[in-house]
Protein backbone atom coordinates (compact mmCIF):
# COMPACT_ATOMS: atom_id res chain seq x y z
CA MET A 1 0.00 0.00 0.00
CA ASN A 2 1.19 3.50 -0.78
CA THR A 3 2.26 5.96 1.89
CA PRO A 4 -0.85 7.77 3.20
CA LEU A 5 -1.13 11.49 2.55
CA THR A 6 -1.97 12.34 6.16
CA CYS A 7 -0.33 10.97 9.30
CA LYS A 8 -3.53 9.32 10.51
CA THR A 9 -5.83 7.22 8.35
CA ALA A 10 -8.54 4.62 8.90
CA ASP A 11 -9.62 1.74 6.68
CA HIS A 12 -13.39 1.08 6.53
CA SER A 13 -13.17 -1.58 3.81
CA ASP A 14 -15.07 -4.84 3.90
CA LEU A 15 -15.76 -7.65 1.44
CA ARG A 16 -18.22 -5.52 -0.58
CA GLN A 17 -16.59 -2.10 -0.77
CA PHE A 18 -13.52 -0.02 0.01
CA SER A 19 -13.46 3.29 1.89
CA PHE A 20 -10.83 5.19 3.83
CA SER A 21 -10.66 8.18 6.16
CA PHE A 22 -7.84 10.70 6.17
CA PHE A 23 -7.45 13.02 9.16
CA CYS A 24 -6.17 16.60 9.27
CA ASP A 25 -2.59 16.59 10.59
CA SER A 26 -3.45 19.59 12.78
CA CYS A 27 -6.96 19.24 14.26
CA GLY A 28 -7.78 15.66 13.32
CA SER A 29 -10.93 16.44 11.33
CA PRO A 30 -11.71 13.49 9.06
CA TRP A 31 -12.46 13.28 5.37
CA ARG A 32 -13.92 9.95 4.28
CA SER A 33 -13.48 8.79 0.73
CA PRO A 34 -16.54 7.71 -1.25
CA ALA A 35 -17.14 3.96 -1.13
CA ILE A 36 -15.75 2.00 -4.07
CA SER A 37 -17.48 -1.29 -4.83
CA PHE A 38 -15.45 -4.47 -4.84
CA LYS A 39 -15.76 -5.47 -8.49
CA SER A 40 -15.02 -9.13 -7.82
CA GLY A 41 -17.10 -9.11 -4.64
CA GLY A 42 -19.23 -11.95 -3.49
CA PHE A 43 -16.68 -14.64 -4.24
CA ALA A 44 -19.52 -17.02 -5.13
CA GLU A 45 -17.72 -18.46 -8.11
CA ILE A 46 -14.20 -18.45 -6.59
CA GLU A 47 -13.55 -21.36 -4.25
CA HIS A 48 -9.81 -21.06 -3.65
CA GLU A 49 -9.22 -18.92 -0.52
CA VAL A 50 -5.75 -17.73 -1.57
CA THR A 51 -7.14 -16.53 -4.92
CA LYS A 52 -9.96 -14.66 -3.16
CA LYS A 53 -7.48 -12.94 -0.88
CA LEU A 54 -5.17 -11.93 -3.73
CA ILE A 55 -8.02 -10.43 -5.77
CA TRP A 56 -9.33 -8.50 -2.76
CA GLU A 57 -5.86 -7.21 -1.85
CA LYS A 58 -5.21 -6.02 -5.41
CA GLU A 59 -8.49 -4.09 -5.57
CA HIS A 60 -8.01 -2.78 -2.02
CA SER A 61 -4.59 -1.41 -2.93
CA ALA A 62 -5.96 0.26 -6.07
CA ALA A 63 -8.87 1.76 -4.12
CA PHE A 64 -6.49 3.13 -1.48
CA THR A 65 -4.24 4.65 -4.13
CA GLY A 66 -7.19 6.42 -5.74
CA SER A 67 -8.56 7.65 -2.41
CA ASN A 68 -5.11 8.82 -1.34
CA LEU A 69 -4.79 10.85 -4.54
CA GLU A 70 -8.28 12.31 -4.06
CA ALA A 71 -7.31 13.36 -0.51
CA HIS A 72 -4.83 15.82 -2.08
CA PHE A 73 -7.87 17.92 -3.06
CA MET A 74 -9.34 17.80 0.44
CA PHE A 75 -6.28 18.97 2.38
CA ASN A 76 -3.74 21.77 2.05
CA TYR A 77 0.02 21.36 2.22
CA CYS A 78 1.87 23.61 4.66
CA LYS A 79 5.05 24.86 3.00
CA LYS A 80 6.68 25.43 6.37
CA CYS A 81 6.06 22.25 8.42
CA GLY A 82 5.04 19.82 5.65
CA ARG A 83 1.77 18.75 7.23
CA TRP A 84 -1.51 18.22 5.34
CA VAL A 85 -4.28 20.23 6.99
CA CYS A 86 -7.98 20.95 6.44
CA ASP A 87 -9.24 24.34 5.21
CA LYS A 88 -10.00 25.62 8.72
CA CYS A 89 -6.39 24.92 9.83
CA PHE A 90 -4.84 26.54 6.75
CA ASP A 91 -3.95 30.21 6.38
CA SER A 92 -5.08 30.93 2.84
CA GLU A 93 -5.17 34.70 3.34
CA GLY A 94 -3.04 37.36 4.94
CA GLN A 95 0.70 37.70 5.28
CA HIS A 96 1.29 34.00 6.03
CA GLU A 97 -0.60 32.71 3.01
CA GLY A 98 0.23 29.12 2.12
CA ILE A 99 1.08 27.77 5.58
CA CYS A 100 -0.96 26.21 8.36
CA LYS A 101 -2.30 28.34 11.18
CA LYS A 102 0.04 26.69 13.71
CA CYS A 103 3.01 27.92 11.68
CA SER A 104 1.60 31.42 10.99
């Protein structure tokens, strides 16, 4: 699995769908990715347990990668400390534009 965008994440995936939460590195506010259906879900026609696990892991990894990329649009990067923060923790105006409020 790729390195998560934010320091704290949560995995809400199950055998039917994949979803992840990413938390603001400053205040901890969550953003939850939209659920992505498991395309090979159900496993009715697959009897081999190892095969089922490999298919699920491959789709889980792809879903995480997509959600992790989407999280870039939900958080702001602080040029000073390198944390990813939500809009309310980001100074997008004023003399410290482009850094988080903890750094400004």
